[in-house]
Amino acid sequence: MNQPTGAPEPVPAPSTWAPLRSAAFRALWIAVTISNIGTWMQTVGAQWLLVDEPGASTLVSLVQTASTLPVLLLALPAGVLADSFDRRRMLIAVQAFQVVVAGTLALLTAAGQMSPALLLTLTFALGCGAAVTAPTYQALIPELVSRQNLPSASALGAISANVARAVGPAVAGVLIAQVGAAAVFWLNAVSFAVFAFVLIAWRRGQDGDAGEPEPFLTALRTGGRYVRYSPVLRRILLRALLFVVPAVSMWGLLPLVASRNLGLDAGGYGLLLAALGVGAVGGAIVLPRLRARLSGNRLILIASLVYAGALAVLALVRIEALVVAALVPAGTAWIAVLSSVNASVQLFLPGWVRARGLAAYQIVFFGGQAVGAALWGLIADQVGVATTLLAAAVVGALGAATLRIWPLTDHSGLDRSPAVYWPEPQLAVDPEPDLGPVLVTAIYTVRPENDPEFQRAMQYVRRSRLRTGAVRWGLYRDGAAPHRLVEYYVVPSWDEHLRQHGGRLTGSDQESEQRARQLADGPPEVAHLFPAEAVAIIREH
């Protein structure tokens, strides 16, 4: 059958740099890199302003929480909007908002009016902008590069983030030491302006967002159902969560490792972050070779254990050179896990729900960071930084061990392209788009020897129906003719069912349905049923 089973097999991968041959992708990637650098400069500036405050362990970790918590609130609504409207215009508006917030932060800091509470509030506002930007920008990427190059584009995205981690903190450390934190906040505002300018200059194709947008609440519910009834996507999200919760302890507590354990200033802290960034960039370059030699699960296992080992080094070692040496492979491990998971999401999601699926990934990724950073910060205030990092290392290693129980499933053989294969409904009435609920039935004739396998095949059909719009599904047997099985499913409205007909189904959905039909005697008898009183009204008109 076409369904994913087992672990991903190693396959040859294109060069990491291949997507840069696209001029549009190249320009946007450079702009995003500049914006990421500005964001990391802002993060370092905000964290360093809080190092000497009472309760610094909690406050410093709350910078990470304030940056990422908005994803839990806004990512899914942003995904709905990005699946419904022009993604380029959305991004331009968000960058304008970011410029205003970052400029306000810089002005107040320069004026000496920045309290911890206000700093965290403005950081939260910037996090809101990032929460809307992330799924919207990532949903654009498949429009810019081929499917074959999506893993490389994901790796380049990780390179962008980690070049920012290497460059941003180093520059921020120098600027903070020389002229103060306000300078890095000003440069962050400029970085958002650069991203907005590139978006304005880019002329996107007219076919990027075809079709009438779905009603907001309907689209929100549909996105949630897609995640609920997609075992492959849920497993990807689980793997991301099991890695990022312990891993974020390094990012959240590294300022305290620098200042308390190693006695470093802002420049030294920047050096530690630069080591992580250098390792990540190097890891992205060698990732195609690693993917060619290792399965996805083995790569994630090895990288997770390396990262856990680096956490243990940070907890136990007080020699700066050794800590820097441990952070380089930690950066490589970070990018190996997250680019693998991100590429899996990009490759699996069909276009009609891509931004909403990516929003779910962002919720898990950034929400895990927000909750994890706050949790590890609170623990560090109680038991100390070293003990907390050791505990995170143990949790990370245990999370890696769960790969034996919950491995990533192999979806490389699934056809994720749109498939329009259902025949046009033949109706005697002309229903309004919002008419519903709609009951769809399909009657199959199945021989006794095919019955068990048919029922198993229909479970894949069930998930397809529920992913693409149905809210209920069932399979019944005719008591008067046991060889007749009746599938039914309920769709909230006629418009929702027409969207199933017109582009929500994929090639893999078609294969699942064909497999079930091959086990029946002939095609099913399909009927569309509407509420009786609504149909009567239609006929009167």
Protein backbone atom coordinates (compact mmCIF):
# COMPACT_ATOMS: atom_id res chain seq x y z
CA MET A 1 0.00 0.00 0.00
CA ASN A 2 1.05 3.60 -0.39
CA GLN A 3 0.87 4.43 3.30
CA PRO A 4 4.04 5.41 5.19
CA THR A 5 5.61 2.70 7.29
CA GLY A 6 9.00 2.27 8.84
CA ALA A 7 11.92 4.69 9.02
CA PRO A 8 13.05 7.09 6.34
CA GLU A 9 15.73 5.62 4.08
CA PRO A 10 18.84 7.62 3.19
CA VAL A 11 18.60 9.16 -0.26
CA PRO A 12 20.93 11.41 -2.27
CA ALA A 13 20.28 15.09 -1.69
CA PRO A 14 20.91 18.18 -3.84
CA SER A 15 23.59 20.67 -2.86
CA THR A 16 22.76 22.90 0.09
CA TRP A 17 23.25 25.93 -2.16
CA ALA A 18 21.02 24.80 -5.06
CA PRO A 19 17.95 26.93 -4.09
CA LEU A 20 20.06 30.09 -4.32
CA ARG A 21 19.95 29.76 -8.10
CA SER A 22 16.44 31.24 -7.85
CA ALA A 23 16.85 35.03 -7.87
CA ALA A 24 13.66 35.59 -5.85
CA PHE A 25 14.60 33.02 -3.22
CA ARG A 26 18.14 34.40 -3.06
CA ALA A 27 16.98 37.98 -2.46
CA LEU A 28 14.46 36.96 0.19
CA TRP A 29 16.95 34.63 1.88
CA ILE A 30 19.49 37.46 2.18
CA ALA A 31 16.81 39.80 3.54
CA VAL A 32 15.66 37.21 6.07
CA THR A 33 19.27 36.64 7.14
CA ILE A 34 19.72 40.36 7.77
CA SER A 35 16.46 40.42 9.72
CA ASN A 36 17.57 37.39 11.75
CA ILE A 37 20.84 39.11 12.58
CA GLY A 38 18.91 42.12 13.85
CA THR A 39 16.65 39.88 15.93
CA TRP A 40 19.58 38.15 17.61
CA MET A 41 21.23 41.49 18.31
CA GLN A 42 18.00 42.58 19.98
CA THR A 43 17.85 39.35 22.02
CA VAL A 44 21.42 39.74 23.27
CA GLY A 45 20.80 43.40 24.12
CA ALA A 46 17.61 42.59 26.03
CA GLN A 47 19.19 39.69 27.94
CA TRP A 48 22.29 41.68 28.84
CA LEU A 49 20.22 44.56 30.20
CA LEU A 50 18.67 42.09 32.67
CA VAL A 51 21.78 40.20 33.83
CA ASP A 52 22.28 42.43 36.90
CA GLU A 53 18.60 42.69 37.85
CA PRO A 54 17.19 40.83 40.90
CA GLY A 55 15.96 37.39 39.85
CA ALA A 56 18.16 37.54 36.75
CA SER A 57 17.86 33.81 36.00
CA THR A 58 14.12 34.11 35.55
CA LEU A 59 14.19 37.49 33.81
CA VAL A 60 16.86 36.45 31.28
CA SER A 61 14.95 33.29 30.43
CA LEU A 62 11.73 35.31 30.12
CA VAL A 63 13.29 37.22 27.21
CA GLN A 64 13.18 33.94 25.29
CA THR A 65 9.66 33.31 26.54
CA ALA A 66 8.45 36.78 25.54
CA SER A 67 9.93 36.28 22.08
CA THR A 68 8.32 32.91 21.46
CA LEU A 69 5.10 32.79 23.50
CA PRO A 70 3.17 34.87 20.90
CA VAL A 71 3.43 31.91 18.55
CA LEU A 72 0.94 30.03 20.75
CA LEU A 73 -1.53 32.87 20.29
CA LEU A 74 -0.99 34.01 16.72
CA ALA A 75 0.68 31.33 14.59
CA LEU A 76 -2.48 29.41 13.66
CA PRO A 77 -4.55 32.55 12.88
CA ALA A 78 -1.56 33.79 10.84
CA GLY A 79 -1.49 30.48 8.99
CA VAL A 80 -5.20 30.83 8.17
CA LEU A 81 -4.64 34.32 6.77
CA ALA A 82 -1.55 33.22 4.84
CA ASP A 83 -3.51 30.36 3.24
CA SER A 84 -6.30 32.78 2.29
CA PHE A 85 -4.68 36.07 1.25
CA ASP A 86 -1.60 37.49 -0.47
CA ARG A 87 1.37 36.37 1.61
CA ARG A 88 3.72 39.04 0.26
CA ARG A 89 1.43 41.89 1.33
CA MET A 90 0.96 40.31 4.74
CA LEU A 91 4.71 40.17 5.24
CA ILE A 92 5.18 43.80 4.19
CA ALA A 93 2.57 44.97 6.73
CA VAL A 94 4.13 42.92 9.51
CA GLN A 95 7.63 44.28 8.82
CA ALA A 96 6.28 47.84 9.02
CA PHE A 97 4.84 46.99 12.45
CA GLN A 98 8.20 45.52 13.52
CA VAL A 99 10.04 48.70 12.48
CA VAL A 100 7.76 50.79 14.71
CA VAL A 101 8.13 48.50 17.75
CA ALA A 102 11.91 48.12 17.40
CA GLY A 103 12.29 51.88 16.94
CA THR A 104 10.26 52.52 20.10
CA LEU A 105 12.44 50.08 22.02
CA ALA A 106 15.58 51.88 20.83
CA LEU A 107 14.25 55.35 21.69
CA LEU A 108 13.18 54.42 25.21
CA THR A 109 16.45 52.61 25.92
CA ALA A 110 18.50 55.59 24.70
CA ALA A 111 16.41 57.84 26.95
CA GLY A 112 17.05 55.61 29.99
CA GLN A 113 13.36 54.78 30.39
CA MET A 114 13.55 51.01 29.88
CA SER A 115 12.31 48.98 32.87
CA PRO A 116 12.40 45.13 32.88
CA ALA A 117 8.61 44.99 32.52
CA LEU A 118 8.58 47.39 29.57
CA LEU A 119 11.49 45.57 27.94
CA LEU A 120 9.66 42.26 28.16
CA THR A 121 6.44 43.87 26.86
CA LEU A 122 8.13 45.29 23.75
CA THR A 123 9.98 42.02 23.25
CA PHE A 124 6.60 40.29 23.34
CA ALA A 125 5.31 42.69 20.67
CA LEU A 126 8.27 41.84 18.44
CA GLY A 127 7.51 38.18 19.08
CA CYS A 128 3.97 38.78 17.81
CA GLY A 129 5.39 40.05 14.54
CA ALA A 130 7.71 37.04 14.31
CA ALA A 131 4.78 34.69 14.99
CA VAL A 132 2.93 36.04 11.95
CA THR A 133 6.05 36.18 9.77
CA ALA A 134 7.30 32.63 10.28
CA PRO A 135 4.47 30.51 8.77
CA THR A 136 3.75 33.12 6.10
CA TYR A 137 7.34 33.23 4.84
CA GLN A 138 7.84 29.47 5.02
CA ALA A 139 4.63 28.89 3.06
CA LEU A 140 6.12 31.00 0.26
CA ILE A 141 9.24 28.84 -0.10
CA PRO A 142 7.64 26.01 -2.15
CA GLU A 143 6.60 28.68 -4.67
CA LEU A 144 10.24 29.71 -5.08
CA VAL A 145 12.09 26.37 -5.27
CA SER A 146 11.37 22.90 -6.62
CA ARG A 147 10.16 20.10 -4.37
CA GLN A 148 13.52 18.38 -4.81
CA ASN A 149 15.27 21.45 -3.40
CA LEU A 150 12.98 21.90 -0.37
CA PRO A 151 15.34 20.06 2.05
CA SER A 152 18.19 22.30 0.87
CA ALA A 153 15.97 25.38 1.24
CA SER A 154 15.19 24.25 4.78
CA ALA A 155 18.90 23.86 5.49
CA LEU A 156 19.52 27.34 4.07
CA GLY A 157 16.83 28.66 6.38
CA ALA A 158 18.72 27.11 9.27
CA ILE A 159 21.96 28.59 7.94
CA SER A 160 20.28 31.99 7.91
CA ALA A 161 19.19 31.60 11.53
CA ASN A 162 22.58 30.40 12.65
CA VAL A 163 24.63 32.90 10.67
CA ALA A 164 22.50 35.36 12.61
CA ARG A 165 23.44 33.59 15.85
CA ALA A 166 27.12 33.79 14.89
CA VAL A 167 27.16 37.37 13.62
CA GLY A 168 24.37 39.06 15.59
CA PRO A 169 25.58 38.29 19.13
CA ALA A 170 29.21 39.05 18.23
CA VAL A 171 28.29 42.46 16.79
CA ALA A 172 25.86 43.09 19.64
CA GLY A 173 28.52 42.29 22.25
CA VAL A 174 30.92 44.83 20.75
CA LEU A 175 28.26 47.51 20.36
CA ILE A 176 26.87 47.02 23.87
CA ALA A 177 30.36 47.27 25.35
CA GLN A 178 31.23 50.37 23.29
CA VAL A 179 28.03 52.41 22.90
CA GLY A 180 25.23 50.61 24.77
CA ALA A 181 22.19 48.43 24.04
CA ALA A 182 20.20 51.16 22.26
CA ALA A 183 22.47 50.83 19.21
CA VAL A 184 21.59 47.17 18.68
CA PHE A 185 17.89 47.99 18.97
CA TRP A 186 18.27 50.66 16.26
CA LEU A 187 19.99 48.19 13.95
CA ASN A 188 17.20 45.69 14.54
CA ALA A 189 14.69 48.27 13.31
CA VAL A 190 16.81 48.81 10.20
CA SER A 191 16.92 45.04 9.54
CA PHE A 192 13.12 44.88 9.44
CA ALA A 193 13.08 47.81 7.02
CA VAL A 194 15.49 45.96 4.72
CA PHE A 195 13.22 42.89 4.66
CA ALA A 196 10.20 45.09 3.86
CA PHE A 197 12.08 46.80 1.01
CA VAL A 198 13.00 43.47 -0.63
CA LEU A 199 9.40 42.30 -0.36
CA ILE A 200 8.17 45.51 -1.98
CA ALA A 201 10.67 45.08 -4.83
CA TRP A 202 9.67 41.43 -5.44
CA ARG A 203 6.92 40.96 -8.01
CA ARG A 204 5.15 37.77 -7.06
CA GLY A 205 3.38 35.64 -9.65
CA GLN A 206 -0.38 36.13 -9.95
CA ASP A 207 -1.20 32.46 -9.41
CA GLY A 208 0.18 32.26 -5.91
CA ASP A 209 -3.14 32.60 -4.12
CA ALA A 210 -5.87 31.45 -6.46
CA GLY A 211 -9.46 30.88 -5.44
CA GLU A 212 -11.88 32.45 -3.01
CA PRO A 213 -10.58 32.57 0.57
CA GLU A 214 -12.27 30.37 3.13
CA PRO A 215 -14.19 31.99 6.00
CA PHE A 216 -11.73 32.58 8.84
CA LEU A 217 -13.29 30.36 11.51
CA THR A 218 -13.99 27.60 9.00
CA ALA A 219 -10.39 27.69 7.81
CA LEU A 220 -9.17 27.65 11.41
CA ARG A 221 -11.21 24.54 12.23
CA THR A 222 -10.16 22.86 8.99
CA GLY A 223 -6.49 23.39 9.80
CA GLY A 224 -6.99 21.88 13.24
CA ARG A 225 -8.74 18.84 11.78
CA TYR A 226 -5.94 18.35 9.28
CA VAL A 227 -3.37 18.12 12.08
CA ARG A 228 -5.64 15.89 14.18
CA TYR A 229 -6.18 13.32 11.43
CA SER A 230 -2.65 13.33 10.02
CA PRO A 231 -0.52 10.75 11.91
CA VAL A 232 2.57 11.63 9.87
CA LEU A 233 2.36 15.33 10.77
CA ARG A 234 1.61 14.59 14.43
CA ARG A 235 4.70 12.39 14.67
CA ILE A 236 6.86 15.15 13.16
CA LEU A 237 5.51 17.62 15.71
CA LEU A 238 6.18 15.17 18.56
CA ARG A 239 9.81 14.73 17.50
CA ALA A 240 10.27 18.50 17.35
CA LEU A 241 8.82 18.93 20.84
CA LEU A 242 10.90 16.16 22.42
CA PHE A 243 14.06 17.80 21.14
CA VAL A 244 13.39 21.49 21.60
CA VAL A 245 12.15 21.48 25.23
CA PRO A 246 15.44 20.26 26.74
CA ALA A 247 17.56 21.88 24.01
CA VAL A 248 16.28 25.41 24.70
CA SER A 249 17.93 25.31 28.14
CA MET A 250 21.21 26.07 26.39
CA TRP A 251 19.89 29.20 24.69
CA GLY A 252 18.04 30.39 27.78
CA LEU A 253 20.84 29.89 30.31
CA LEU A 254 23.91 30.61 28.18
CA PRO A 255 24.12 34.26 29.34
CA LEU A 256 24.39 33.01 32.93
CA VAL A 257 26.97 30.39 31.95
CA ALA A 258 28.99 33.21 30.37
CA SER A 259 28.69 35.73 33.20
CA ARG A 260 28.64 33.51 36.31
CA ASN A 261 30.44 30.29 35.42
CA LEU A 262 33.06 31.69 33.04
CA GLY A 263 33.27 35.34 34.17
CA LEU A 264 32.82 36.72 30.63
CA ASP A 265 31.53 40.10 29.52
CA ALA A 266 29.07 40.80 26.70
CA GLY A 267 31.77 40.18 24.11
CA GLY A 268 32.54 36.79 25.64
CA TYR A 269 28.87 35.86 25.60
CA GLY A 270 28.79 36.81 21.95
CA LEU A 271 31.75 34.50 21.36
CA LEU A 272 29.84 31.56 22.86
CA LEU A 273 26.84 32.23 20.65
CA ALA A 274 29.17 32.64 17.68
CA ALA A 275 30.59 29.16 18.35
CA LEU A 276 27.07 27.75 18.21
CA GLY A 277 26.44 29.62 14.99
CA VAL A 278 29.67 28.47 13.36
CA GLY A 279 28.84 24.87 14.20
CA ALA A 280 25.36 25.28 12.77
CA VAL A 281 26.61 26.79 9.51
CA GLY A 282 29.18 24.03 9.13
CA GLY A 283 26.53 21.46 9.89
CA ALA A 284 24.23 22.83 7.19
CA ILE A 285 27.02 22.53 4.63
CA VAL A 286 27.66 18.85 5.40
CA LEU A 287 24.00 17.92 5.90
CA PRO A 288 23.47 16.63 2.32
CA ARG A 289 26.32 14.16 2.82
CA LEU A 290 24.97 13.10 6.20
CA ARG A 291 21.48 12.57 4.74
CA ALA A 292 22.99 10.44 1.97
CA ARG A 293 24.63 8.14 4.53
CA LEU A 294 22.17 8.12 7.42
CA SER A 295 18.44 7.58 7.71
CA GLY A 296 16.46 10.51 9.08
CA ASN A 297 15.90 8.77 12.41
CA ARG A 298 19.56 7.83 12.87
CA LEU A 299 20.65 11.38 12.04
CA ILE A 300 18.24 12.80 14.62
CA LEU A 301 19.35 10.24 17.23
CA ILE A 302 23.05 11.00 16.85
CA ALA A 303 22.52 14.76 16.76
CA SER A 304 20.28 14.69 19.85
CA LEU A 305 22.88 12.74 21.84
CA VAL A 306 25.65 15.12 20.74
CA TYR A 307 23.55 18.07 21.90
CA ALA A 308 22.85 16.40 25.25
CA GLY A 309 26.60 15.85 25.68
CA ALA A 310 27.25 19.55 25.03
CA LEU A 311 24.73 20.47 27.74
CA ALA A 312 26.66 18.29 30.18
CA VAL A 313 29.92 20.04 29.23
CA LEU A 314 28.35 23.45 29.89
CA ALA A 315 27.25 22.24 33.31
CA LEU A 316 30.58 20.74 34.41
CA VAL A 317 33.37 22.66 32.66
CA ARG A 318 34.71 26.07 33.70
CA ILE A 319 37.34 26.49 30.98
CA GLU A 320 36.27 28.90 28.24
CA ALA A 321 38.14 27.17 25.39
CA LEU A 322 36.59 23.78 26.20
CA VAL A 323 33.11 25.27 26.41
CA VAL A 324 33.59 26.96 23.03
CA ALA A 325 34.83 23.65 21.59
CA ALA A 326 31.69 21.87 22.87
CA LEU A 327 29.36 24.53 21.49
CA VAL A 328 30.52 24.04 17.89
CA PRO A 329 29.19 20.44 17.57
CA ALA A 330 26.13 21.53 19.57
CA GLY A 331 25.36 24.04 16.83
CA THR A 332 25.80 21.31 14.22
CA ALA A 333 23.44 19.01 16.14
CA TRP A 334 20.86 21.77 16.54
CA ILE A 335 20.68 22.43 12.81
CA ALA A 336 20.75 18.71 11.92
CA VAL A 337 17.64 17.99 13.99
CA LEU A 338 15.62 21.09 13.23
CA SER A 339 16.35 21.30 9.51
CA SER A 340 15.45 17.61 9.17
CA VAL A 341 12.16 18.11 11.00
CA ASN A 342 11.35 21.33 9.15
CA ALA A 343 12.07 19.74 5.76
CA SER A 344 9.78 16.84 6.67
CA VAL A 345 6.95 19.28 7.39
CA GLN A 346 7.51 21.20 4.14
CA LEU A 347 7.62 18.03 2.03
CA PHE A 348 4.54 16.49 3.61
CA LEU A 349 2.07 19.37 3.64
CA PRO A 350 -0.13 19.93 0.55
CA GLY A 351 -0.37 23.48 -0.74
CA TRP A 352 -3.95 24.23 0.35
CA VAL A 353 -3.16 23.85 4.06
CA ARG A 354 0.59 24.50 4.02
CA ALA A 355 0.64 27.71 6.07
CA ARG A 356 -1.71 26.27 8.69
CA GLY A 357 0.38 23.10 8.99
CA LEU A 358 3.54 25.18 9.27
CA ALA A 359 1.79 27.29 11.89
CA ALA A 360 1.16 24.13 13.92
CA TYR A 361 4.87 23.35 13.62
CA GLN A 362 5.74 26.90 14.73
CA ILE A 363 3.42 26.54 17.72
CA VAL A 364 5.20 23.37 18.80
CA PHE A 365 8.68 24.70 18.05
CA PHE A 366 8.40 28.18 19.54
CA GLY A 367 5.86 27.19 22.18
CA GLY A 368 8.22 24.45 23.34
CA GLN A 369 10.98 27.05 23.54
CA ALA A 370 8.80 29.50 25.45
CA VAL A 371 7.61 26.97 28.02
CA GLY A 372 10.98 25.23 28.21
CA ALA A 373 12.95 28.45 28.68
CA ALA A 374 10.67 29.61 31.50
CA LEU A 375 10.77 26.16 33.14
CA TRP A 376 14.55 25.84 33.02
CA GLY A 377 14.96 29.41 34.27
CA LEU A 378 12.75 28.74 37.30
CA ILE A 379 14.61 25.51 38.03
CA ALA A 380 17.97 27.32 37.76
CA ASP A 381 16.85 29.88 40.34
CA GLN A 382 16.16 27.02 42.76
CA VAL A 383 18.98 24.51 42.16
CA GLY A 384 21.60 26.43 40.17
CA VAL A 385 22.63 26.64 36.53
CA ALA A 386 24.93 23.60 36.48
CA THR A 387 22.36 21.21 37.97
CA THR A 388 19.69 22.52 35.62
CA LEU A 389 21.85 21.96 32.54
CA LEU A 390 22.66 18.41 33.68
CA ALA A 391 18.95 17.71 34.12
CA ALA A 392 18.26 19.07 30.63
CA ALA A 393 21.01 16.82 29.23
CA VAL A 394 19.36 13.77 30.78
CA VAL A 395 15.91 14.77 29.47
CA GLY A 396 17.39 15.33 26.00
CA ALA A 397 19.05 11.90 25.97
CA LEU A 398 15.82 10.23 27.11
CA GLY A 399 13.94 12.07 24.37
CA ALA A 400 16.39 10.74 21.78
CA ALA A 401 15.86 7.21 23.11
CA THR A 402 12.14 7.47 22.32
CA LEU A 403 13.02 7.26 18.61
CA ARG A 404 12.78 3.49 19.02
CA ILE A 405 9.14 3.91 20.05
CA TRP A 406 8.10 6.95 18.01
CA PRO A 407 10.32 7.18 14.93
CA LEU A 408 9.64 9.53 12.07
CA THR A 409 7.56 7.79 9.43
CA ASP A 410 8.74 7.63 5.85
CA HIS A 411 6.56 9.82 3.63
CA SER A 412 9.04 10.12 0.78
CA GLY A 413 6.89 7.84 -1.40
CA LEU A 414 3.67 9.79 -0.88
CA ASP A 415 2.35 11.91 -3.73
CA ARG A 416 1.54 15.30 -2.16
CA SER A 417 0.56 17.07 -5.38
CA PRO A 418 -3.09 18.16 -5.84
CA ALA A 419 -5.34 15.54 -7.42
CA VAL A 420 -8.75 16.43 -8.83
CA TYR A 421 -10.29 13.03 -9.55
CA TRP A 422 -13.81 13.04 -8.08
CA PRO A 423 -16.53 13.39 -10.73
CA GLU A 424 -18.66 16.52 -10.70
CA PRO A 425 -21.75 15.97 -8.49
CA GLN A 426 -24.90 15.43 -10.54
CA LEU A 427 -27.68 17.22 -8.66
CA ALA A 428 -31.26 18.19 -9.38
CA VAL A 429 -30.94 21.22 -7.07
CA ASP A 430 -28.56 24.18 -6.97
CA PRO A 431 -27.40 24.47 -3.35
CA GLU A 432 -25.99 27.67 -1.91
CA PRO A 433 -22.31 27.46 -0.85
CA ASP A 434 -23.15 27.81 2.86
CA LEU A 435 -25.87 25.13 2.80
CA GLY A 436 -25.17 22.33 5.21
CA PRO A 437 -24.40 20.07 6.80
CA VAL A 438 -24.02 17.83 3.74
CA LEU A 439 -24.22 14.06 4.12
CA VAL A 440 -22.27 12.11 1.49
CA THR A 441 -22.81 8.36 1.14
CA ALA A 442 -20.98 5.78 -0.97
CA ILE A 443 -22.33 2.22 -1.29
CA TYR A 444 -19.75 -0.49 -2.03
CA THR A 445 -20.37 -4.12 -2.98
CA VAL A 446 -17.58 -6.24 -1.43
CA ARG A 447 -17.07 -9.99 -1.65
CA PRO A 448 -16.61 -11.82 1.67
CA GLU A 449 -13.00 -12.78 0.94
CA ASN A 450 -12.09 -9.10 0.36
CA ASP A 451 -14.06 -7.75 3.33
CA PRO A 452 -11.27 -7.64 5.99
CA GLU A 453 -8.75 -5.98 3.68
CA PHE A 454 -11.39 -3.56 2.39
CA GLN A 455 -12.14 -2.41 5.92
CA ARG A 456 -8.45 -1.87 6.59
CA ALA A 457 -8.11 0.12 3.36
CA MET A 458 -11.09 2.26 4.31
CA GLN A 459 -9.32 3.44 7.47
CA TYR A 460 -6.89 5.35 5.27
CA VAL A 461 -9.86 6.72 3.32
CA ARG A 462 -11.42 7.74 6.63
CA ARG A 463 -8.39 9.86 7.57
CA SER A 464 -8.38 11.40 4.10
CA ARG A 465 -12.02 12.45 4.40
CA LEU A 466 -11.52 13.91 7.88
CA ARG A 467 -8.30 15.72 6.91
CA THR A 468 -9.91 17.43 3.94
CA GLY A 469 -13.21 18.65 5.41
CA ALA A 470 -15.42 15.95 6.93
CA VAL A 471 -16.41 16.24 10.59
CA ARG A 472 -17.87 12.72 10.95
CA TRP A 473 -17.23 9.45 9.17
CA GLY A 474 -18.59 5.92 9.42
CA LEU A 475 -18.74 2.58 7.64
CA TYR A 476 -21.93 0.48 7.97
CA ARG A 477 -23.10 -2.89 6.69
CA ASP A 478 -26.50 -3.42 5.09
CA GLY A 479 -28.39 -5.90 7.30
CA ALA A 480 -30.48 -7.15 4.37
CA ALA A 481 -27.43 -7.55 2.08
CA PRO A 482 -24.25 -8.05 4.17
CA HIS A 483 -22.00 -7.71 1.11
CA ARG A 484 -23.12 -4.07 0.76
CA LEU A 485 -21.11 -1.60 2.87
CA VAL A 486 -22.14 2.02 3.19
CA GLU A 487 -19.57 4.74 3.79
CA TYR A 488 -20.92 8.04 5.05
CA TYR A 489 -19.29 11.29 5.98
CA VAL A 490 -20.63 14.69 7.00
CA VAL A 491 -19.19 17.96 5.68
CA PRO A 492 -20.18 21.26 7.35
CA SER A 493 -21.23 22.99 4.12
CA TRP A 494 -21.58 22.51 0.37
CA ASP A 495 -18.69 24.93 -0.19
CA GLU A 496 -16.48 22.78 2.03
CA HIS A 497 -17.37 19.69 -0.01
CA LEU A 498 -16.68 21.47 -3.29
CA ARG A 499 -13.23 22.37 -1.95
CA GLN A 500 -12.65 18.64 -1.48
CA HIS A 501 -13.56 18.16 -5.11
CA GLY A 502 -11.45 21.05 -6.32
CA GLY A 503 -7.95 20.73 -4.88
CA ARG A 504 -7.75 19.54 -1.28
CA LEU A 505 -7.13 15.92 -2.23
CA THR A 506 -3.62 14.74 -3.09
CA GLY A 507 -2.17 11.94 -5.17
CA SER A 508 -1.73 9.84 -2.03
CA ASP A 509 -5.43 10.35 -1.15
CA GLN A 510 -6.29 9.13 -4.63
CA GLU A 511 -4.10 6.04 -4.23
CA SER A 512 -5.76 5.19 -0.91
CA GLU A 513 -9.21 5.50 -2.44
CA GLN A 514 -8.25 3.46 -5.50
CA ARG A 515 -6.91 0.70 -3.28
CA ALA A 516 -10.26 0.45 -1.47
CA ARG A 517 -12.22 0.53 -4.73
CA GLN A 518 -10.09 -2.26 -6.20
CA LEU A 519 -11.35 -4.50 -3.41
CA ALA A 520 -15.00 -3.76 -4.28
CA ASP A 521 -17.05 -4.93 -7.22
CA GLY A 522 -17.27 -1.81 -9.34
CA PRO A 523 -17.37 1.86 -8.37
CA PRO A 524 -19.52 2.93 -5.41
CA GLU A 525 -22.94 4.51 -5.68
CA VAL A 526 -22.43 8.06 -4.40
CA ALA A 527 -25.21 10.31 -3.12
CA HIS A 528 -25.21 13.85 -1.71
CA LEU A 529 -27.90 14.54 0.88
CA PHE A 530 -28.96 17.95 2.18
CA PRO A 531 -31.21 19.03 5.06
CA ALA A 532 -34.77 18.41 3.88
CA GLU A 533 -36.14 21.83 4.81
CA ALA A 534 -33.25 23.60 3.05
CA VAL A 535 -33.76 21.65 -0.16
CA ALA A 536 -37.47 22.45 -0.06
CA ILE A 537 -36.64 26.17 0.12
CA ILE A 538 -34.29 25.84 -2.82
CA ARG A 539 -37.00 24.22 -4.93
CA GLU A 540 -39.51 26.95 -4.05
CA HIS A 541 -37.11 29.54 -5.38
